[in-house]
N, C-alpha and C. Protein backbone atom coordinates (compact mmCIF):
# COMPACT_ATOMS: atom_id res chain seq x y z
N UNK A 1 108.34 101.55 115.20
CA UNK A 1 107.09 102.11 114.92
C UNK A 1 106.54 101.65 113.56
N UNK A 2 105.28 101.47 113.44
CA UNK A 2 104.62 101.25 112.15
C UNK A 2 103.92 102.58 111.73
N UNK A 3 104.41 103.04 110.57
CA UNK A 3 104.00 104.32 110.11
C UNK A 3 103.56 104.32 108.65
N UNK A 4 102.39 104.81 108.39
CA UNK A 4 101.90 104.92 107.03
C UNK A 4 102.33 106.34 106.56
N UNK A 5 102.97 106.36 105.30
CA UNK A 5 103.26 107.65 104.74
C UNK A 5 102.43 107.73 103.43
N UNK A 6 101.63 108.81 103.28
CA UNK A 6 100.73 108.88 102.11
C UNK A 6 101.26 110.17 101.30
N UNK A 7 101.42 109.97 99.98
CA UNK A 7 101.83 111.02 99.11
C UNK A 7 100.61 111.44 98.22
N UNK A 8 100.16 112.68 98.35
CA UNK A 8 99.06 113.08 97.50
C UNK A 8 99.50 114.03 96.45
N UNK A 9 98.58 114.45 95.55
CA UNK A 9 98.84 115.21 94.38
C UNK A 9 98.99 116.75 94.59
N UNK A 10 100.04 117.07 95.21
CA UNK A 10 100.42 118.49 95.36
C UNK A 10 101.95 118.65 95.39
N UNK A 11 102.38 119.80 95.16
CA UNK A 11 103.88 119.94 95.18
C UNK A 11 104.54 119.71 96.48
N UNK A 12 105.71 119.08 96.41
CA UNK A 12 106.47 118.74 97.69
C UNK A 12 106.63 117.23 97.84
N UNK A 13 106.62 116.56 96.70
CA UNK A 13 106.77 115.08 96.81
C UNK A 13 108.19 114.68 97.46
N UNK A 14 109.16 115.56 97.28
CA UNK A 14 110.51 115.40 97.82
C UNK A 14 110.40 115.28 99.37
N UNK A 15 109.42 115.90 99.99
CA UNK A 15 109.27 115.79 101.48
C UNK A 15 108.98 114.34 101.92
N UNK A 16 108.11 113.74 101.19
CA UNK A 16 107.82 112.33 101.45
C UNK A 16 108.96 111.37 101.24
N UNK A 17 109.71 111.70 100.18
CA UNK A 17 110.91 110.85 99.81
C UNK A 17 111.91 110.98 100.94
N UNK A 18 112.20 112.16 101.35
CA UNK A 18 113.19 112.42 102.53
C UNK A 18 112.67 111.76 103.73
N UNK A 19 111.35 111.91 104.01
CA UNK A 19 110.85 111.35 105.30
C UNK A 19 111.00 109.84 105.25
N UNK A 20 110.62 109.11 104.19
CA UNK A 20 110.81 107.69 104.11
C UNK A 20 112.30 107.34 104.35
N UNK A 21 113.21 108.05 103.79
CA UNK A 21 114.61 107.69 103.93
C UNK A 21 115.07 107.94 105.41
N UNK A 22 114.34 108.84 106.11
CA UNK A 22 114.66 109.04 107.53
C UNK A 22 114.01 108.03 108.47
N UNK A 23 113.06 107.23 107.93
CA UNK A 23 112.34 106.25 108.72
C UNK A 23 112.79 104.83 108.47
N UNK A 24 114.00 104.70 108.00
CA UNK A 24 114.44 103.29 107.55
C UNK A 24 114.56 102.37 108.75
N UNK A 25 114.49 102.75 109.94
CA UNK A 25 114.49 101.88 111.08
C UNK A 25 113.15 101.50 111.55
N UNK A 26 112.10 101.98 110.85
CA UNK A 26 110.77 101.74 111.19
C UNK A 26 109.97 100.89 110.09
N UNK A 27 108.83 100.33 110.41
CA UNK A 27 108.02 99.58 109.51
C UNK A 27 107.12 100.57 108.75
N UNK A 28 107.46 100.83 107.46
CA UNK A 28 106.69 101.89 106.78
C UNK A 28 105.78 101.27 105.65
N UNK A 29 104.70 101.94 105.53
CA UNK A 29 103.57 101.62 104.55
C UNK A 29 103.35 102.84 103.75
N UNK A 30 103.69 102.76 102.47
CA UNK A 30 103.62 103.92 101.59
C UNK A 30 102.32 103.81 100.73
N UNK A 31 101.54 104.83 100.64
CA UNK A 31 100.44 104.97 99.71
C UNK A 31 100.64 106.15 98.86
N UNK A 32 100.57 105.89 97.51
CA UNK A 32 100.86 106.95 96.56
C UNK A 32 99.51 107.19 95.65
N UNK A 33 99.08 108.43 95.69
CA UNK A 33 97.85 108.75 94.87
C UNK A 33 98.31 108.87 93.41
N UNK A 34 97.32 108.66 92.53
CA UNK A 34 97.58 108.76 91.07
C UNK A 34 98.13 110.11 90.72
N UNK A 35 97.57 111.18 91.30
CA UNK A 35 98.12 112.57 90.97
C UNK A 35 99.55 112.72 91.52
N UNK A 36 99.95 112.05 92.59
CA UNK A 36 101.22 112.22 93.16
C UNK A 36 102.20 111.62 92.19
N UNK A 37 101.84 110.59 91.47
CA UNK A 37 102.74 109.97 90.47
C UNK A 37 103.02 111.10 89.40
N UNK A 38 102.04 111.82 88.93
CA UNK A 38 102.26 112.83 87.93
C UNK A 38 103.11 113.97 88.50
N UNK A 39 102.80 114.39 89.66
CA UNK A 39 103.55 115.54 90.25
C UNK A 39 104.98 115.17 90.46
N UNK A 40 105.22 113.93 90.89
CA UNK A 40 106.58 113.50 91.03
C UNK A 40 107.43 113.58 89.80
N UNK A 41 106.82 113.31 88.71
CA UNK A 41 107.53 113.41 87.41
C UNK A 41 107.82 114.84 87.05
N UNK A 42 107.01 115.77 87.36
CA UNK A 42 107.14 117.25 87.12
C UNK A 42 108.28 117.67 88.04
N UNK A 43 108.42 117.20 89.28
CA UNK A 43 109.31 117.61 90.26
C UNK A 43 110.64 116.86 90.20
N UNK A 44 110.74 115.87 89.35
CA UNK A 44 111.97 115.11 89.11
C UNK A 44 112.29 114.18 90.31
N UNK A 45 111.21 113.57 91.01
CA UNK A 45 111.41 112.65 92.10
C UNK A 45 111.14 111.28 91.52
N UNK A 46 112.09 110.37 91.75
CA UNK A 46 111.97 109.03 91.28
C UNK A 46 111.13 108.15 92.26
N UNK A 47 109.86 108.14 91.94
CA UNK A 47 108.99 107.34 92.94
C UNK A 47 109.32 105.92 93.00
N UNK A 48 109.87 105.32 91.96
CA UNK A 48 110.23 103.88 91.99
C UNK A 48 111.20 103.66 93.13
N UNK A 49 112.21 104.57 93.24
CA UNK A 49 113.19 104.55 94.27
C UNK A 49 112.51 104.69 95.62
N UNK A 50 111.67 105.74 95.70
CA UNK A 50 110.93 106.02 96.93
C UNK A 50 110.15 104.79 97.44
N UNK A 51 109.48 104.15 96.49
CA UNK A 51 108.69 102.95 96.87
C UNK A 51 109.63 101.88 97.39
N UNK A 52 110.78 101.72 96.80
CA UNK A 52 111.66 100.65 97.30
C UNK A 52 112.17 100.95 98.70
N UNK A 53 112.15 102.20 99.17
CA UNK A 53 112.60 102.48 100.51
C UNK A 53 111.53 102.29 101.52
N UNK A 54 110.29 102.01 101.03
CA UNK A 54 109.21 101.79 102.00
C UNK A 54 109.17 100.19 102.18
N UNK A 55 108.72 99.75 103.34
CA UNK A 55 108.56 98.35 103.66
C UNK A 55 107.37 97.81 102.81
N UNK A 56 106.41 98.54 102.64
CA UNK A 56 105.15 98.12 101.90
C UNK A 56 104.70 99.35 101.10
N UNK A 57 104.20 99.04 99.93
CA UNK A 57 103.75 100.11 98.99
C UNK A 57 102.41 99.77 98.38
N UNK A 58 101.52 100.86 98.35
CA UNK A 58 100.14 100.67 97.86
C UNK A 58 99.82 101.78 96.90
N UNK A 59 98.84 101.47 96.02
CA UNK A 59 98.21 102.63 95.23
C UNK A 59 96.91 102.95 95.95
N UNK A 60 96.44 104.30 95.71
CA UNK A 60 95.33 104.70 96.44
C UNK A 60 94.04 103.97 96.33
N UNK A 61 93.91 103.23 95.20
CA UNK A 61 92.69 102.46 94.96
C UNK A 61 92.65 101.14 95.54
N UNK A 62 93.70 100.70 96.30
CA UNK A 62 93.73 99.35 96.94
C UNK A 62 93.01 99.35 98.25
N UNK A 63 91.66 99.51 98.17
CA UNK A 63 90.87 99.52 99.41
C UNK A 63 90.80 98.23 100.11
N UNK A 64 91.27 97.10 99.48
CA UNK A 64 91.25 95.82 100.18
C UNK A 64 92.64 95.52 100.74
N UNK A 65 93.52 96.56 100.90
CA UNK A 65 94.82 96.32 101.50
C UNK A 65 94.66 96.17 103.00
N UNK A 66 95.54 95.48 103.64
CA UNK A 66 95.51 95.31 105.04
C UNK A 66 95.34 96.44 105.90
N UNK A 67 96.03 97.58 105.45
CA UNK A 67 95.95 98.82 106.26
C UNK A 67 94.69 99.59 106.06
N UNK A 68 93.69 99.05 105.27
CA UNK A 68 92.35 99.69 105.11
C UNK A 68 91.52 99.28 106.35
N UNK A 69 91.99 98.31 107.14
CA UNK A 69 91.24 97.82 108.26
C UNK A 69 91.80 98.35 109.52
N UNK A 70 90.92 98.86 110.45
CA UNK A 70 91.35 99.31 111.71
C UNK A 70 91.98 98.16 112.58
N UNK A 71 91.76 96.88 112.22
CA UNK A 71 92.33 95.82 112.95
C UNK A 71 93.87 95.66 112.68
N UNK A 72 94.33 96.33 111.60
CA UNK A 72 95.75 96.40 111.34
C UNK A 72 96.41 97.35 112.17
N UNK A 73 97.16 96.95 113.15
CA UNK A 73 97.78 97.90 114.12
C UNK A 73 98.81 98.77 113.53
N UNK A 74 98.50 100.06 113.41
CA UNK A 74 99.43 101.03 112.98
C UNK A 74 99.63 102.14 114.03
N UNK A 75 100.82 102.65 114.17
CA UNK A 75 101.15 103.60 115.26
C UNK A 75 100.87 105.07 114.80
N UNK A 76 101.08 105.41 113.56
CA UNK A 76 100.94 106.82 113.13
C UNK A 76 100.84 106.92 111.58
N UNK A 77 100.39 108.01 111.05
CA UNK A 77 100.25 108.20 109.66
C UNK A 77 100.68 109.64 109.40
N UNK A 78 101.39 109.82 108.33
CA UNK A 78 101.69 111.17 107.77
C UNK A 78 101.26 111.33 106.35
N UNK A 79 100.52 112.30 106.12
CA UNK A 79 100.10 112.63 104.68
C UNK A 79 100.96 113.81 104.31
N UNK A 80 102.00 113.53 103.42
CA UNK A 80 102.97 114.44 103.08
C UNK A 80 103.46 114.40 101.59
N UNK A 81 103.17 115.32 100.76
CA UNK A 81 102.40 116.55 101.02
C UNK A 81 100.86 116.13 101.05
N UNK A 82 100.08 117.04 101.64
CA UNK A 82 98.65 116.77 101.73
C UNK A 82 97.97 117.79 100.85
N UNK A 83 97.28 117.33 99.83
CA UNK A 83 96.49 118.19 98.86
C UNK A 83 95.29 118.70 99.68
N UNK A 84 94.72 119.77 99.21
CA UNK A 84 93.50 120.33 99.83
C UNK A 84 92.38 119.37 99.56
N UNK A 85 92.40 118.63 98.50
CA UNK A 85 91.31 117.61 98.19
C UNK A 85 91.33 116.49 99.28
N UNK A 86 92.58 115.96 99.58
CA UNK A 86 92.70 114.97 100.59
C UNK A 86 92.47 115.48 101.90
N UNK A 87 92.84 116.74 102.25
CA UNK A 87 92.56 117.37 103.47
C UNK A 87 91.01 117.42 103.71
N UNK A 88 90.33 117.87 102.74
CA UNK A 88 88.84 117.98 102.70
C UNK A 88 88.12 116.60 102.96
N UNK A 89 88.66 115.63 102.33
CA UNK A 89 88.15 114.23 102.49
C UNK A 89 88.34 113.81 103.90
N UNK A 90 89.52 113.90 104.38
CA UNK A 90 89.84 113.43 105.78
C UNK A 90 89.06 114.26 106.79
N UNK A 91 88.94 115.58 106.60
CA UNK A 91 88.17 116.43 107.68
C UNK A 91 86.72 116.08 107.61
N UNK A 92 86.17 115.62 106.45
CA UNK A 92 84.76 115.38 106.40
C UNK A 92 84.39 113.89 106.40
N UNK A 93 85.26 113.07 106.67
CA UNK A 93 85.03 111.56 106.79
C UNK A 93 84.75 110.96 105.42
N UNK A 94 85.17 111.45 104.38
CA UNK A 94 84.89 110.92 103.03
C UNK A 94 85.95 109.91 102.65
N UNK A 95 85.67 108.68 102.89
CA UNK A 95 86.75 107.60 102.72
C UNK A 95 86.63 107.01 101.39
N UNK A 96 87.11 107.67 100.43
CA UNK A 96 86.91 107.27 98.92
C UNK A 96 88.17 106.53 98.41
N UNK A 97 89.26 106.50 99.13
CA UNK A 97 90.43 105.73 98.73
C UNK A 97 91.20 105.27 99.84
N UNK A 98 92.30 104.51 99.75
CA UNK A 98 93.01 103.90 100.80
C UNK A 98 93.67 105.08 101.73
N UNK A 99 94.03 106.20 101.12
CA UNK A 99 94.62 107.24 101.96
C UNK A 99 93.59 107.71 102.94
N UNK A 100 92.46 108.13 102.53
CA UNK A 100 91.43 108.67 103.41
C UNK A 100 90.85 107.65 104.35
N UNK A 101 90.77 106.32 103.78
CA UNK A 101 90.33 105.24 104.69
C UNK A 101 91.37 105.01 105.88
N UNK A 102 92.64 104.96 105.53
CA UNK A 102 93.61 104.75 106.52
C UNK A 102 93.68 105.83 107.46
N UNK A 103 93.49 107.09 106.99
CA UNK A 103 93.45 108.28 107.97
C UNK A 103 92.29 108.18 108.86
N UNK A 104 91.15 107.77 108.41
CA UNK A 104 89.93 107.60 109.15
C UNK A 104 90.16 106.60 110.34
N UNK A 105 90.79 105.50 109.95
CA UNK A 105 91.23 104.53 110.95
C UNK A 105 92.20 105.05 112.03
N UNK A 106 93.15 105.80 111.60
CA UNK A 106 94.09 106.32 112.55
C UNK A 106 93.39 107.29 113.59
N UNK A 107 92.47 108.11 112.98
CA UNK A 107 91.79 109.01 113.85
C UNK A 107 90.83 108.31 114.83
N UNK A 108 90.06 107.30 114.28
CA UNK A 108 89.15 106.66 115.19
C UNK A 108 89.82 105.82 116.27
N UNK A 109 91.04 105.38 115.99
CA UNK A 109 91.83 104.56 116.93
C UNK A 109 92.68 105.47 117.85
N UNK A 110 92.54 106.75 117.71
CA UNK A 110 93.33 107.70 118.60
C UNK A 110 94.77 107.71 118.43
N UNK A 111 95.24 107.40 117.16
CA UNK A 111 96.67 107.43 116.87
C UNK A 111 97.08 108.82 116.22
N UNK A 112 98.36 109.02 116.02
CA UNK A 112 98.82 110.23 115.50
C UNK A 112 98.57 110.35 114.00
N UNK A 113 97.90 111.38 113.46
CA UNK A 113 97.71 111.65 112.09
C UNK A 113 98.31 113.07 111.89
N UNK A 114 99.39 113.03 111.03
CA UNK A 114 100.13 114.35 110.71
C UNK A 114 99.75 114.65 109.32
N UNK A 115 99.19 115.88 109.08
CA UNK A 115 98.84 116.37 107.76
C UNK A 115 99.77 117.50 107.46
N UNK A 116 100.47 117.44 106.24
CA UNK A 116 101.34 118.46 105.86
C UNK A 116 100.74 119.15 104.61
N UNK A 117 99.80 120.08 104.87
CA UNK A 117 99.11 120.69 103.73
C UNK A 117 100.16 121.64 102.96
N UNK A 118 100.16 121.57 101.67
CA UNK A 118 101.04 122.29 100.88
C UNK A 118 100.31 123.06 99.84
N UNK A 119 99.84 124.28 100.30
CA UNK A 119 99.16 125.14 99.40
C UNK A 119 99.18 126.59 100.00
N UNK A 120 99.26 127.58 99.14
CA UNK A 120 99.22 128.94 99.65
C UNK A 120 98.82 129.87 98.50
N UNK A 121 98.02 130.90 98.81
CA UNK A 121 97.41 131.18 99.95
C UNK A 121 96.32 130.17 100.26
N UNK A 122 95.69 130.31 101.44
CA UNK A 122 94.59 129.30 101.88
C UNK A 122 93.29 130.00 101.62
N UNK A 123 92.33 129.18 101.14
CA UNK A 123 90.99 129.62 101.02
C UNK A 123 90.28 129.40 102.47
N UNK A 124 89.19 130.02 102.57
CA UNK A 124 88.37 129.80 103.78
C UNK A 124 88.01 128.33 104.09
N UNK A 125 87.59 127.75 102.86
CA UNK A 125 87.29 126.26 103.01
C UNK A 125 88.47 125.40 103.45
N UNK A 126 89.61 125.70 102.97
CA UNK A 126 90.86 124.99 103.40
C UNK A 126 91.11 125.17 104.94
N UNK A 127 90.96 126.44 105.32
CA UNK A 127 91.21 126.74 106.75
C UNK A 127 90.15 126.05 107.60
N UNK A 128 88.88 126.01 107.16
CA UNK A 128 87.91 125.32 107.94
C UNK A 128 88.16 123.83 107.97
N UNK A 129 88.63 123.31 106.80
CA UNK A 129 88.93 121.86 106.77
C UNK A 129 90.09 121.52 107.77
N UNK A 130 91.05 122.41 107.81
CA UNK A 130 92.13 122.20 108.75
C UNK A 130 91.64 122.20 110.24
N UNK A 131 90.74 123.08 110.48
CA UNK A 131 90.12 123.21 111.84
C UNK A 131 89.30 121.95 112.11
N UNK A 132 88.54 121.43 111.21
CA UNK A 132 87.83 120.18 111.43
C UNK A 132 88.78 119.01 111.71
N UNK A 133 89.84 118.92 110.86
CA UNK A 133 90.81 117.87 111.12
C UNK A 133 91.50 117.99 112.38
N UNK A 134 91.74 119.14 112.83
CA UNK A 134 92.43 119.30 114.10
C UNK A 134 91.51 118.96 115.20
N UNK A 135 90.27 119.39 115.17
CA UNK A 135 89.27 119.01 116.16
C UNK A 135 89.13 117.46 116.27
N UNK A 136 89.34 116.80 115.10
CA UNK A 136 89.23 115.24 115.10
C UNK A 136 90.53 114.65 115.59
N UNK A 137 91.51 115.35 115.86
CA UNK A 137 92.77 114.81 116.38
C UNK A 137 93.95 114.86 115.62
N UNK A 138 93.84 115.39 114.39
CA UNK A 138 95.04 115.49 113.51
C UNK A 138 96.01 116.53 113.96
N UNK A 139 97.21 116.39 113.67
CA UNK A 139 98.28 117.44 113.75
C UNK A 139 98.40 118.08 112.40
N UNK A 140 98.30 119.42 112.31
CA UNK A 140 98.34 120.15 111.12
C UNK A 140 99.76 120.74 111.07
N UNK A 141 100.56 120.29 110.15
CA UNK A 141 102.00 120.76 110.11
C UNK A 141 102.35 121.25 108.67
N UNK A 142 101.98 122.53 108.37
CA UNK A 142 102.29 123.05 107.12
C UNK A 142 103.86 123.24 107.01
N UNK A 143 104.39 123.04 105.88
CA UNK A 143 105.85 123.17 105.70
C UNK A 143 106.25 124.63 105.60
N UNK A 144 106.20 125.35 106.80
CA UNK A 144 106.58 126.73 106.94
C UNK A 144 108.03 126.90 107.21
N UNK A 145 108.60 127.82 106.51
CA UNK A 145 110.01 128.04 106.61
C UNK A 145 110.46 128.70 107.95
N UNK A 146 111.57 128.34 108.51
CA UNK A 146 112.16 129.05 109.58
C UNK A 146 113.65 129.43 109.14
N UNK A 147 114.09 130.51 109.71
CA UNK A 147 115.41 131.07 109.33
C UNK A 147 116.47 130.97 110.47
N UNK A 148 116.07 130.66 111.65
CA UNK A 148 117.04 130.77 112.82
C UNK A 148 118.21 129.81 112.62
N UNK A 149 118.02 128.72 111.91
CA UNK A 149 119.18 127.69 111.87
C UNK A 149 120.04 128.00 110.68
N UNK A 150 119.77 129.06 109.93
CA UNK A 150 120.66 129.41 108.80
C UNK A 150 120.68 128.58 107.63
N UNK A 151 119.48 128.23 106.98
CA UNK A 151 119.56 127.39 105.81
C UNK A 151 120.33 128.02 104.65
N UNK A 152 121.09 127.17 103.92
CA UNK A 152 121.93 127.71 102.86
C UNK A 152 121.60 127.11 101.51
N UNK A 153 120.78 125.94 101.55
CA UNK A 153 120.48 125.29 100.25
C UNK A 153 119.05 124.70 100.44
N UNK A 154 118.43 124.30 99.30
CA UNK A 154 117.17 123.73 99.28
C UNK A 154 117.12 122.43 100.16
N UNK A 155 118.24 121.71 100.19
CA UNK A 155 118.27 120.47 101.13
C UNK A 155 118.14 120.83 102.45
N UNK A 156 118.65 121.91 102.89
CA UNK A 156 118.47 122.42 104.33
C UNK A 156 117.04 122.63 104.62
N UNK A 157 116.33 123.30 103.71
CA UNK A 157 114.96 123.59 103.89
C UNK A 157 114.12 122.27 103.92
N UNK A 158 114.36 121.39 103.05
CA UNK A 158 113.70 120.08 103.07
C UNK A 158 113.89 119.31 104.33
N UNK A 159 115.27 119.37 104.75
CA UNK A 159 115.54 118.55 105.99
C UNK A 159 114.76 119.24 107.21
N UNK A 160 114.71 120.65 107.22
CA UNK A 160 113.83 121.31 108.28
C UNK A 160 112.49 120.77 108.29
N UNK A 161 111.77 120.82 107.18
CA UNK A 161 110.38 120.37 107.12
C UNK A 161 110.24 118.92 107.60
N UNK A 162 111.16 118.07 107.06
CA UNK A 162 111.00 116.60 107.47
C UNK A 162 111.38 116.50 108.96
N UNK A 163 112.34 117.23 109.39
CA UNK A 163 112.80 117.15 110.86
C UNK A 163 111.50 117.56 111.76
N UNK A 164 110.72 118.51 111.33
CA UNK A 164 109.51 118.92 112.11
C UNK A 164 108.56 117.79 112.19
N UNK A 165 108.43 117.08 111.02
CA UNK A 165 107.46 115.88 111.02
C UNK A 165 108.03 114.83 112.00
N UNK A 166 109.25 114.58 112.01
CA UNK A 166 110.00 113.56 112.90
C UNK A 166 109.73 113.99 114.41
N UNK A 167 109.79 115.32 114.67
CA UNK A 167 109.55 115.85 115.88
C UNK A 167 108.13 115.55 116.37
N UNK A 168 107.15 115.82 115.49
CA UNK A 168 105.73 115.47 115.71
C UNK A 168 105.54 114.08 116.01
N UNK A 169 106.30 113.15 115.35
CA UNK A 169 106.21 111.78 115.61
C UNK A 169 106.96 111.33 116.94
N UNK A 170 107.72 112.17 117.54
CA UNK A 170 108.45 111.87 118.64
C UNK A 170 109.76 111.14 118.42
N UNK A 171 110.28 111.22 117.20
CA UNK A 171 111.49 110.53 116.85
C UNK A 171 112.75 111.47 116.79
N UNK A 172 113.82 110.88 117.29
CA UNK A 172 115.08 111.68 117.32
C UNK A 172 115.68 111.81 115.88
N UNK A 173 116.30 112.88 115.62
CA UNK A 173 116.95 113.11 114.35
C UNK A 173 118.09 114.23 114.44
N UNK A 174 118.70 114.35 113.45
CA UNK A 174 119.72 115.49 113.33
C UNK A 174 119.61 116.21 112.02
N UNK A 175 118.40 116.37 111.55
CA UNK A 175 118.21 116.96 110.23
C UNK A 175 118.33 118.58 110.24
N UNK A 176 118.18 119.17 111.42
CA UNK A 176 118.33 120.57 111.59
C UNK A 176 118.76 120.91 113.01
N UNK A 177 119.35 122.00 113.19
CA UNK A 177 119.79 122.45 114.51
C UNK A 177 118.62 122.99 115.33
N UNK A 178 118.37 122.49 116.47
CA UNK A 178 117.28 122.95 117.29
C UNK A 178 117.52 124.30 117.88
N UNK A 179 116.52 125.03 118.10
CA UNK A 179 116.65 126.30 118.69
C UNK A 179 117.22 126.28 120.08
N UNK A 180 118.22 127.12 120.32
CA UNK A 180 118.79 127.19 121.66
C UNK A 180 118.98 128.69 122.03
N UNK A 181 118.49 129.14 123.15
CA UNK A 181 118.66 130.59 123.45
C UNK A 181 120.06 130.72 123.94
N UNK A 182 120.78 131.40 123.21
CA UNK A 182 122.16 131.74 123.64
C UNK A 182 122.65 132.98 122.96
N UNK A 183 123.82 133.31 122.85
CA UNK A 183 124.34 134.50 122.34
C UNK A 183 124.35 134.49 120.79
N UNK A 184 123.23 134.00 120.19
CA UNK A 184 123.10 133.91 118.76
C UNK A 184 123.71 132.72 118.12
N UNK A 185 124.38 131.83 119.00
CA UNK A 185 124.99 130.65 118.41
C UNK A 185 124.09 129.40 118.61
N UNK A 186 124.21 128.47 117.73
CA UNK A 186 123.46 127.21 117.89
C UNK A 186 124.42 126.13 118.40
C-alpha cells in the first residue's frame, strides 16, 4: 500500500512514530507540519529518526511535491495526530499546505482518509468539523482508551491506538489483543 502519514501540531506525535514503524512493509510518505516539529521536541520524540523510517519525507510547505497532485496514486492517508486547525481546513476544503492538499486529493479520489483528532474537550466547531469531514468520506478515529485488553503501560495504550488505525486501514497486526467474548479471557 502507498500511505501518506501526516503529523500535525498537537500532542501525540508518538502515535505517528509508532504507526510509521508498523508500516515498514508499505510505501510511506511522511508530511510533518512546522508545529509538529515543536511538539515533538516537547514530547521527546526524535523526528529525525521518524523521518528516516518513512520512504519519503516532506515539509508542509512543499506544495510542489508529487503527492500534491491527484495524479500521484496513493491508497490511503492518516493524519495522526490531527490538530483542530488541520481538521477544520480539511473539513472546509481549505488547501493551504501539503497536508490539507493531499487530504483533499484523497477525499476527491474516494480513498481512505483517517483523521486522529487529539483534543479534549471538544468545542461545537470541532464537532461540526468532524461531522463535515465524515460526510466527505473521512474516518474519524479519536485516540480513545479501551480497558478490556488490560493495558499496563503507556506503550500498551500507544499500541492500542495505532492498532485501531491499522484496523481502519485493513492491515493485520498484533499490537493489541482483539475483543473475544469468552469467560473473561482473551
